[in-house]
Each structure stands twice: as C-alpha cells, then as structure tokens.
Amino acid sequence: MKKEIVTTKKAPQAIGPYSQAIVINNLVYTSGQIAIQPETGVIVSTDIEGQTKQVCQNIAEILKAAGSHIDNVIKTTVFIKNMSDFAKVNEIYATYFKTNPARSCVEVSKLPKDCLIEIEAIAYKD
C-alpha cells in the first residue's frame, strides 16, 4: 500500500501534527478544513456563509493538489457550531458538491479557532 502526503500552499497549512490530506490506493482523505484563508492565515468571515465558502475552496485546492477534484468526493463530514445554520450551509455546500456525496452533519460545541464550520472529505482519483 502506497501512502502519499498531500501539501499545497493554496490551502491553509496544518495547525497541528497532521497532513492536509493523505492518498492511499487512489482515495484522498482530507483533514478537516476550517475557514482559514491560505494567504493570510486568518479566518475569512464571521458568518456561516463566508466561512462555508472558504472551507469548500480549501477542500477543492487540496483535492486538486492530490490529483483529484471536488466532483470526485464520495463522502463528507460536516461539523457546525449551530444546527440552526443547517439550511444556509446546505445552500452553499450544494454549489460546490454538485455530485451529492454521502454526508454526515453534526453540531459540535467548539471548533478550532472558534470557527463556525469544519468539513472533511473523501474523494477518489481518476
């Protein structure tokens, strides 16, 4: 089994002892992404809409660096601070994940850097 560590400067660098993503057997496993803008290292927005967009963009860049694409995502896990934001998240999420991958969504009490959302993804490589 060949394991490849994925790194790109077009997505936030890991803020702990983990990788942006790992590729094993043509599957890409991303680490959870929060709304950090890669160029500045700061959270991009204080609202769920802006944070969701940045998270999805970060995932897209990591997948691209891994030789995959956001359309190849087969499973996501979404962590949100407030389940009342579910509809807003779905609206933006649907513009990125057009293939309707399998998904779990859970409300959590706290996320890194006090973000409102974190998403992780599993995708295949063509």
C-alpha atoms as a PDB file:
ATOM      1  CA  MET A   1       0.000   0.000   0.000  1.00  0.00           C
ATOM      2  CA  LYS A   2       1.441   3.332  -1.105  1.00  0.00           C
ATOM      3  CA  LYS A   3       0.776   6.364   1.109  1.00  0.00           C
ATOM      4  CA  GLU A   4       1.237   9.894  -0.205  1.00  0.00           C
ATOM      5  CA  ILE A   5       1.110  13.027   1.942  1.00  0.00           C
ATOM      6  CA  VAL A   6      -0.563  15.960   0.172  1.00  0.00           C
ATOM      7  CA  THR A   7       0.617  19.523   0.721  1.00  0.00           C
ATOM      8  CA  THR A   8      -0.339  22.732  -1.053  1.00  0.00           C
ATOM      9  CA  LYS A   9       0.195  26.404  -0.274  1.00  0.00           C
ATOM     10  CA  LYS A  10      -3.206  27.131  -1.878  1.00  0.00           C
ATOM     11  CA  ALA A  11      -4.908  25.818   1.274  1.00  0.00           C
ATOM     12  CA  PRO A  12      -4.162  26.518   4.937  1.00  0.00           C
ATOM     13  CA  GLN A  13      -1.193  24.746   6.388  1.00  0.00           C
ATOM     14  CA  ALA A  14      -1.920  22.252   9.140  1.00  0.00           C
ATOM     15  CA  ILE A  15      -2.149  23.904  12.554  1.00  0.00           C
ATOM     16  CA  GLY A  16      -1.176  20.690  14.330  1.00  0.00           C
ATOM     17  CA  PRO A  17       0.596  17.371  13.810  1.00  0.00           C
ATOM     18  CA  TYR A  18      -1.397  16.241  10.779  1.00  0.00           C
ATOM     19  CA  SER A  19      -1.420  16.475   6.976  1.00  0.00           C
ATOM     20  CA  GLN A  20      -3.737  18.455   4.722  1.00  0.00           C
ATOM     21  CA  ALA A  21      -4.588  15.122   3.101  1.00  0.00           C
ATOM     22  CA  ILE A  22      -3.377  11.569   2.618  1.00  0.00           C
ATOM     23  CA  VAL A  23      -3.744   9.487  -0.554  1.00  0.00           C
ATOM     24  CA  ILE A  24      -3.981   5.708  -0.211  1.00  0.00           C
ATOM     25  CA  ASN A  25      -4.996   3.377  -3.048  1.00  0.00           C
ATOM     26  CA  ASN A  26      -6.375   6.246  -5.180  1.00  0.00           C
ATOM     27  CA  LEU A  27      -8.527   7.560  -2.328  1.00  0.00           C
ATOM     28  CA  VAL A  28      -7.907  11.039  -0.949  1.00  0.00           C
ATOM     29  CA  TYR A  29      -8.706  11.658   2.710  1.00  0.00           C
ATOM     30  CA  THR A  30      -8.657  15.340   3.627  1.00  0.00           C
ATOM     31  CA  SER A  31      -8.206  16.602   7.123  1.00  0.00           C
ATOM     32  CA  GLY A  32     -10.982  18.780   8.434  1.00  0.00           C
ATOM     33  CA  GLN A  33     -10.820  22.232   6.885  1.00  0.00           C
ATOM     34  CA  ILE A  34     -11.814  25.433   8.613  1.00  0.00           C
ATOM     35  CA  ALA A  35     -12.286  28.912   7.159  1.00  0.00           C
ATOM     36  CA  ILE A  36      -8.648  29.990   7.164  1.00  0.00           C
ATOM     37  CA  GLN A  37      -7.558  31.997   4.142  1.00  0.00           C
ATOM     38  CA  PRO A  38      -4.264  30.436   2.991  1.00  0.00           C
ATOM     39  CA  GLU A  39      -2.600  33.731   2.039  1.00  0.00           C
ATOM     40  CA  THR A  40      -3.154  35.431   5.393  1.00  0.00           C
ATOM     41  CA  GLY A  41      -3.655  32.579   7.838  1.00  0.00           C
ATOM     42  CA  VAL A  42      -6.710  34.271   9.332  1.00  0.00           C
ATOM     43  CA  ILE A  43     -10.372  33.354   9.470  1.00  0.00           C
ATOM     44  CA  VAL A  44     -12.102  34.975   6.477  1.00  0.00           C
ATOM     45  CA  SER A  45     -15.519  35.774   7.854  1.00  0.00           C
ATOM     46  CA  THR A  46     -17.644  35.885  10.975  1.00  0.00           C
ATOM     47  CA  ASP A  47     -20.751  34.483   9.265  1.00  0.00           C
ATOM     48  CA  ILE A  48     -21.570  30.916   8.287  1.00  0.00           C
ATOM     49  CA  GLU A  49     -21.925  31.747   4.589  1.00  0.00           C
ATOM     50  CA  GLY A  50     -18.440  33.233   4.222  1.00  0.00           C
ATOM     51  CA  GLN A  51     -16.852  30.502   6.309  1.00  0.00           C
ATOM     52  CA  THR A  52     -18.580  27.716   4.378  1.00  0.00           C
ATOM     53  CA  LYS A  53     -17.370  29.137   1.061  1.00  0.00           C
ATOM     54  CA  GLN A  54     -13.770  29.341   2.293  1.00  0.00           C
ATOM     55  CA  VAL A  55     -13.877  25.801   3.700  1.00  0.00           C
ATOM     56  CA  CYS A  56     -15.155  24.436   0.373  1.00  0.00           C
ATOM     57  CA  GLN A  57     -12.495  26.364  -1.556  1.00  0.00           C
ATOM     58  CA  ASN A  58      -9.798  24.967   0.746  1.00  0.00           C
ATOM     59  CA  ILE A  59     -11.048  21.425   0.151  1.00  0.00           C
ATOM     60  CA  ALA A  60     -11.131  21.988  -3.618  1.00  0.00           C
ATOM     61  CA  GLU A  61      -7.492  23.174  -3.601  1.00  0.00           C
ATOM     62  CA  ILE A  62      -6.309  20.228  -1.510  1.00  0.00           C
ATOM     63  CA  LEU A  63      -8.093  17.777  -3.790  1.00  0.00           C
ATOM     64  CA  LYS A  64      -6.553  19.447  -6.834  1.00  0.00           C
ATOM     65  CA  ALA A  65      -3.081  19.114  -5.280  1.00  0.00           C
ATOM     66  CA  ALA A  66      -3.814  15.430  -4.681  1.00  0.00           C
ATOM     67  CA  GLY A  67      -4.722  14.885  -8.335  1.00  0.00           C
ATOM     68  CA  SER A  68      -8.444  14.700  -7.686  1.00  0.00           C
ATOM     69  CA  HIS A  69     -11.387  17.099  -7.953  1.00  0.00           C
ATOM     70  CA  ILE A  70     -14.303  18.222  -5.815  1.00  0.00           C
ATOM     71  CA  ASP A  71     -16.641  16.369  -8.202  1.00  0.00           C
ATOM     72  CA  ASN A  72     -14.871  13.147  -7.142  1.00  0.00           C
ATOM     73  CA  VAL A  73     -15.882  13.498  -3.488  1.00  0.00           C
ATOM     74  CA  ILE A  74     -17.787  10.452  -2.273  1.00  0.00           C
ATOM     75  CA  LYS A  75     -18.221  11.315   1.432  1.00  0.00           C
ATOM     76  CA  THR A  76     -18.043  14.391   3.628  1.00  0.00           C
ATOM     77  CA  THR A  77     -18.425  15.030   7.313  1.00  0.00           C
ATOM     78  CA  VAL A  78     -19.668  18.476   8.289  1.00  0.00           C
ATOM     79  CA  PHE A  79     -19.223  19.856  11.799  1.00  0.00           C
ATOM     80  CA  ILE A  80     -21.219  23.012  12.605  1.00  0.00           C
ATOM     81  CA  LYS A  81     -21.458  25.039  15.798  1.00  0.00           C
ATOM     82  CA  ASN A  82     -25.142  25.768  15.356  1.00  0.00           C
ATOM     83  CA  MET A  83     -27.627  23.415  13.711  1.00  0.00           C
ATOM     84  CA  SER A  84     -29.763  26.492  13.001  1.00  0.00           C
ATOM     85  CA  ASP A  85     -27.227  27.220  10.220  1.00  0.00           C
ATOM     86  CA  PHE A  86     -28.010  23.897   8.502  1.00  0.00           C
ATOM     87  CA  ALA A  87     -30.093  25.420   5.670  1.00  0.00           C
ATOM     88  CA  LYS A  88     -27.518  28.151   4.963  1.00  0.00           C
ATOM     89  CA  VAL A  89     -24.718  25.585   4.895  1.00  0.00           C
ATOM     90  CA  ASN A  90     -26.714  23.342   2.553  1.00  0.00           C
ATOM     91  CA  GLU A  91     -27.307  26.202   0.130  1.00  0.00           C
ATOM     92  CA  ILE A  92     -23.592  26.969  -0.247  1.00  0.00           C
ATOM     93  CA  TYR A  93     -22.471  23.338   0.068  1.00  0.00           C
ATOM     94  CA  ALA A  94     -24.678  22.399  -2.904  1.00  0.00           C
ATOM     95  CA  THR A  95     -22.874  24.887  -5.152  1.00  0.00           C
ATOM     96  CA  TYR A  96     -19.562  23.073  -4.525  1.00  0.00           C
ATOM     97  CA  PHE A  97     -20.567  19.434  -4.025  1.00  0.00           C
ATOM     98  CA  LYS A  98     -22.769  19.064  -7.094  1.00  0.00           C
ATOM     99  CA  THR A  99     -22.495  15.257  -7.194  1.00  0.00           C
ATOM    100  CA  ASN A 100     -24.314  14.893  -3.841  1.00  0.00           C
ATOM    101  CA  PRO A 101     -21.766  12.772  -1.967  1.00  0.00           C
ATOM    102  CA  ALA A 102     -22.760  10.824   1.122  1.00  0.00           C
ATOM    103  CA  ARG A 103     -22.606  13.103   4.155  1.00  0.00           C
ATOM    104  CA  SER A 104     -22.857  13.294   7.907  1.00  0.00           C
ATOM    105  CA  CYS A 105     -23.552  16.585   9.665  1.00  0.00           C
ATOM    106  CA  VAL A 106     -23.236  17.091  13.400  1.00  0.00           C
ATOM    107  CA  GLU A 107     -23.460  20.039  15.746  1.00  0.00           C
ATOM    108  CA  VAL A 108     -20.414  20.489  17.958  1.00  0.00           C
ATOM    109  CA  SER A 109     -19.766  22.775  20.901  1.00  0.00           C
ATOM    110  CA  LYS A 110     -16.462  24.211  19.675  1.00  0.00           C
ATOM    111  CA  LEU A 111     -14.191  24.123  16.626  1.00  0.00           C
ATOM    112  CA  PRO A 112     -10.558  25.194  16.155  1.00  0.00           C
ATOM    113  CA  LYS A 113     -10.046  28.966  16.189  1.00  0.00           C
ATOM    114  CA  ASP A 114     -13.736  29.343  17.147  1.00  0.00           C
ATOM    115  CA  CYS A 115     -14.841  28.684  13.570  1.00  0.00           C
ATOM    116  CA  LEU A 116     -18.485  28.047  12.794  1.00  0.00           C
ATOM    117  CA  ILE A 117     -17.889  25.096  10.431  1.00  0.00           C
ATOM    118  CA  GLU A 118     -15.374  22.381   9.581  1.00  0.00           C
ATOM    119  CA  ILE A 119     -15.632  19.891   6.724  1.00  0.00           C
ATOM    120  CA  GLU A 120     -13.582  16.817   5.865  1.00  0.00           C
ATOM    121  CA  ALA A 121     -13.866  14.860   2.640  1.00  0.00           C
ATOM    122  CA  ILE A 122     -13.025  11.553   0.992  1.00  0.00           C
ATOM    123  CA  ALA A 123     -12.559  11.553  -2.798  1.00  0.00           C
ATOM    124  CA  TYR A 124     -11.241   9.217  -5.454  1.00  0.00           C
ATOM    125  CA  LYS A 125      -8.558   9.895  -8.029  1.00  0.00           C
ATOM    126  CA  ASP A 126      -9.371   9.266 -11.703  1.00  0.00           C
END
